[in-house]
């Protein structure tokens, strides 16, 4: 990171950013190149969970290569200045790398979906029959770091 004074290394603060973020951007790739997609997600104990349909570009990328990157931002605000090149942002963000794996058992899928629902403060329950037609993935996080630029 070029601006070390903006780096966040404290895991508690990084987890606060994850908790405050509504969207996670997943980066994956296939033979055609990189692909980034916004996702609903959940975080628990060093893992990120997301769900998906069973086909599409994202799934093809994850089948091609399980190495992924991810990013999310909270407290985002544009600071306008007198000249456009002087504009800046206030934000807290995280970026990281990991390995995505498709969860196989209904129990694993249920846990992942509960983490996602908890992230969005949903208090309903997930029924096991609907999990059969839903793909749930876990990103085993290899590394992540945060950055902040706040006034």
Protein backbone atom coordinates (compact mmCIF):
# COMPACT_ATOMS: atom_id res chain seq x y z
CA UNK A 1 0.00 0.00 0.00
CA UNK A 2 1.45 3.32 -1.07
CA UNK A 3 -0.17 5.43 1.69
CA UNK A 4 0.67 3.45 4.81
CA UNK A 5 -0.87 6.09 7.08
CA UNK A 6 -4.27 5.11 5.62
CA UNK A 7 -3.81 1.36 6.11
CA UNK A 8 -6.03 -0.55 8.53
CA UNK A 9 -4.44 -3.66 9.99
CA UNK A 10 -6.63 -4.13 13.08
CA UNK A 11 -8.92 -7.13 12.42
CA UNK A 12 -11.67 -5.68 14.60
CA UNK A 13 -11.84 -2.51 12.47
CA UNK A 14 -11.71 -4.55 9.25
CA UNK A 15 -14.63 -6.66 10.52
CA UNK A 16 -16.54 -3.44 11.37
CA UNK A 17 -16.14 -2.34 7.74
CA UNK A 18 -17.40 -5.71 6.51
CA UNK A 19 -20.37 -5.44 8.86
CA UNK A 20 -21.20 -1.89 7.69
CA UNK A 21 -20.91 -2.72 3.98
CA UNK A 22 -24.01 -3.63 1.98
CA UNK A 23 -22.29 -4.97 -1.13
CA UNK A 24 -19.21 -7.10 -1.67
CA UNK A 25 -17.48 -6.99 -5.05
CA UNK A 26 -16.12 -10.38 -6.06
CA UNK A 27 -13.29 -10.59 -8.57
CA UNK A 28 -12.80 -13.84 -10.47
CA UNK A 29 -11.44 -14.84 -13.86
CA UNK A 30 -11.82 -17.34 -16.65
CA UNK A 31 -9.97 -17.80 -19.94
CA UNK A 32 -11.66 -14.62 -21.25
CA UNK A 33 -10.16 -12.51 -18.45
CA UNK A 34 -11.21 -10.84 -15.19
CA UNK A 35 -14.80 -10.51 -14.05
CA UNK A 36 -16.16 -8.45 -11.13
CA UNK A 37 -19.67 -8.81 -9.76
CA UNK A 38 -21.51 -7.23 -6.79
CA UNK A 39 -22.92 -9.66 -4.23
CA UNK A 40 -24.95 -9.94 -1.07
CA UNK A 41 -22.70 -11.59 1.49
CA UNK A 42 -22.13 -12.65 5.05
CA UNK A 43 -18.95 -12.89 7.12
CA UNK A 44 -18.16 -15.26 9.95
CA UNK A 45 -14.87 -16.30 11.57
CA UNK A 46 -12.55 -15.48 8.68
CA UNK A 47 -14.86 -16.65 5.90
CA UNK A 48 -17.16 -14.82 3.50
CA UNK A 49 -20.35 -16.48 2.27
CA UNK A 50 -22.46 -15.73 -0.80
CA UNK A 51 -25.20 -17.48 -2.73
CA UNK A 52 -25.81 -17.90 -6.41
CA UNK A 53 -27.82 -19.57 -9.11
CA UNK A 54 -26.23 -22.77 -10.36
CA UNK A 55 -25.15 -21.36 -13.74
CA UNK A 56 -23.87 -18.16 -15.29
CA UNK A 57 -20.63 -16.23 -15.80
CA UNK A 58 -19.74 -16.11 -12.09
CA UNK A 59 -20.10 -19.87 -11.72
CA UNK A 60 -18.08 -20.50 -14.90
CA UNK A 61 -15.29 -18.29 -13.53
CA UNK A 62 -15.29 -20.04 -10.15
CA UNK A 63 -15.25 -23.45 -11.85
CA UNK A 64 -12.32 -22.28 -13.99
CA UNK A 65 -10.27 -20.86 -11.10
CA UNK A 66 -11.17 -20.80 -7.42
CA UNK A 67 -8.75 -17.97 -6.57
CA UNK A 68 -10.72 -14.77 -6.02
CA UNK A 69 -10.35 -11.21 -4.84
CA UNK A 70 -12.97 -9.15 -3.04
CA UNK A 71 -13.60 -5.61 -1.92
CA UNK A 72 -16.22 -3.57 -0.09
CA UNK A 73 -16.59 0.01 1.09
CA UNK A 74 -18.42 1.73 3.91
CA UNK A 75 -18.82 5.39 4.89
CA UNK A 76 -18.37 6.49 1.29
CA UNK A 77 -18.63 10.23 0.57
CA UNK A 78 -17.41 12.37 -2.33
CA UNK A 79 -15.62 15.58 -1.31
CA UNK A 80 -15.96 18.19 -4.06
CA UNK A 81 -13.23 20.78 -4.47
CA UNK A 82 -12.73 23.82 -6.70
CA UNK A 83 -11.20 21.75 -9.52
CA UNK A 84 -12.29 18.23 -10.52
CA UNK A 85 -8.75 16.85 -10.21
CA UNK A 86 -8.76 17.92 -6.55
CA UNK A 87 -11.94 16.00 -5.67
CA UNK A 88 -11.41 13.21 -3.19
CA UNK A 89 -13.27 10.55 -1.23
CA UNK A 90 -13.90 9.80 2.39
CA UNK A 91 -14.21 6.07 2.89
CA UNK A 92 -13.31 2.94 4.78
CA UNK A 93 -12.70 -0.10 2.60
CA UNK A 94 -11.28 -3.58 2.65
CA UNK A 95 -9.68 -5.66 -0.07
CA UNK A 96 -8.61 -9.25 0.10
CA UNK A 97 -7.81 -12.53 -1.56
CA UNK A 98 -8.97 -16.05 -0.98
CA UNK A 99 -10.23 -19.31 -2.38
CA UNK A 100 -13.91 -19.81 -3.18
CA UNK A 101 -15.42 -23.23 -2.66
CA UNK A 102 -18.92 -24.47 -3.34
CA UNK A 103 -20.55 -25.82 -0.20
CA UNK A 104 -21.87 -29.33 -0.67
CA UNK A 105 -23.88 -30.38 2.37
CA UNK A 106 -27.21 -28.89 3.34
CA UNK A 107 -25.81 -28.14 6.79
CA UNK A 108 -22.92 -26.11 5.33
CA UNK A 109 -25.26 -24.29 2.96
CA UNK A 110 -27.63 -23.55 5.83
CA UNK A 111 -24.79 -22.10 7.92
CA UNK A 112 -23.66 -19.92 4.98
CA UNK A 113 -27.17 -18.64 4.30
CA UNK A 114 -27.68 -17.89 8.00
CA UNK A 115 -24.48 -15.79 7.94
CA UNK A 116 -25.80 -13.87 4.92
CA UNK A 117 -29.22 -13.32 6.49
CA UNK A 118 -27.63 -12.20 9.75
CA UNK A 119 -25.48 -9.67 7.87
CA UNK A 120 -28.64 -8.02 6.53
CA UNK A 121 -30.38 -8.31 9.92
CA UNK A 122 -33.00 -10.72 8.54
CA UNK A 123 -34.59 -12.72 11.33
CA UNK A 124 -36.46 -15.33 9.26
CA UNK A 125 -35.46 -18.93 8.84
CA UNK A 126 -34.05 -20.76 5.84
CA UNK A 127 -35.84 -23.98 4.95
CA UNK A 128 -33.72 -26.89 3.84
CA UNK A 129 -35.72 -27.78 0.67
CA UNK A 130 -34.97 -24.38 -0.94
CA UNK A 131 -31.25 -24.89 -0.26
CA UNK A 132 -31.20 -27.81 -2.70
CA UNK A 133 -31.58 -25.45 -5.66
CA UNK A 134 -29.29 -22.71 -4.30
CA UNK A 135 -25.53 -22.68 -4.62
CA UNK A 136 -23.75 -21.34 -1.55
CA UNK A 137 -20.05 -20.51 -1.62
CA UNK A 138 -17.50 -19.87 1.07
CA UNK A 139 -14.43 -17.73 0.48
CA UNK A 140 -11.62 -18.94 2.72
CA UNK A 141 -9.79 -15.65 3.22
CA UNK A 142 -6.03 -15.84 2.65
CA UNK A 143 -5.39 -12.13 3.33
CA UNK A 144 -7.26 -8.88 3.66
CA UNK A 145 -6.36 -5.35 4.50
CA UNK A 146 -8.24 -2.14 5.06
CA UNK A 147 -7.81 1.47 4.06
CA UNK A 148 -9.45 4.64 5.31
CA UNK A 149 -9.51 8.24 4.31
CA UNK A 150 -11.71 10.21 6.66
CA UNK A 151 -11.80 13.94 7.39
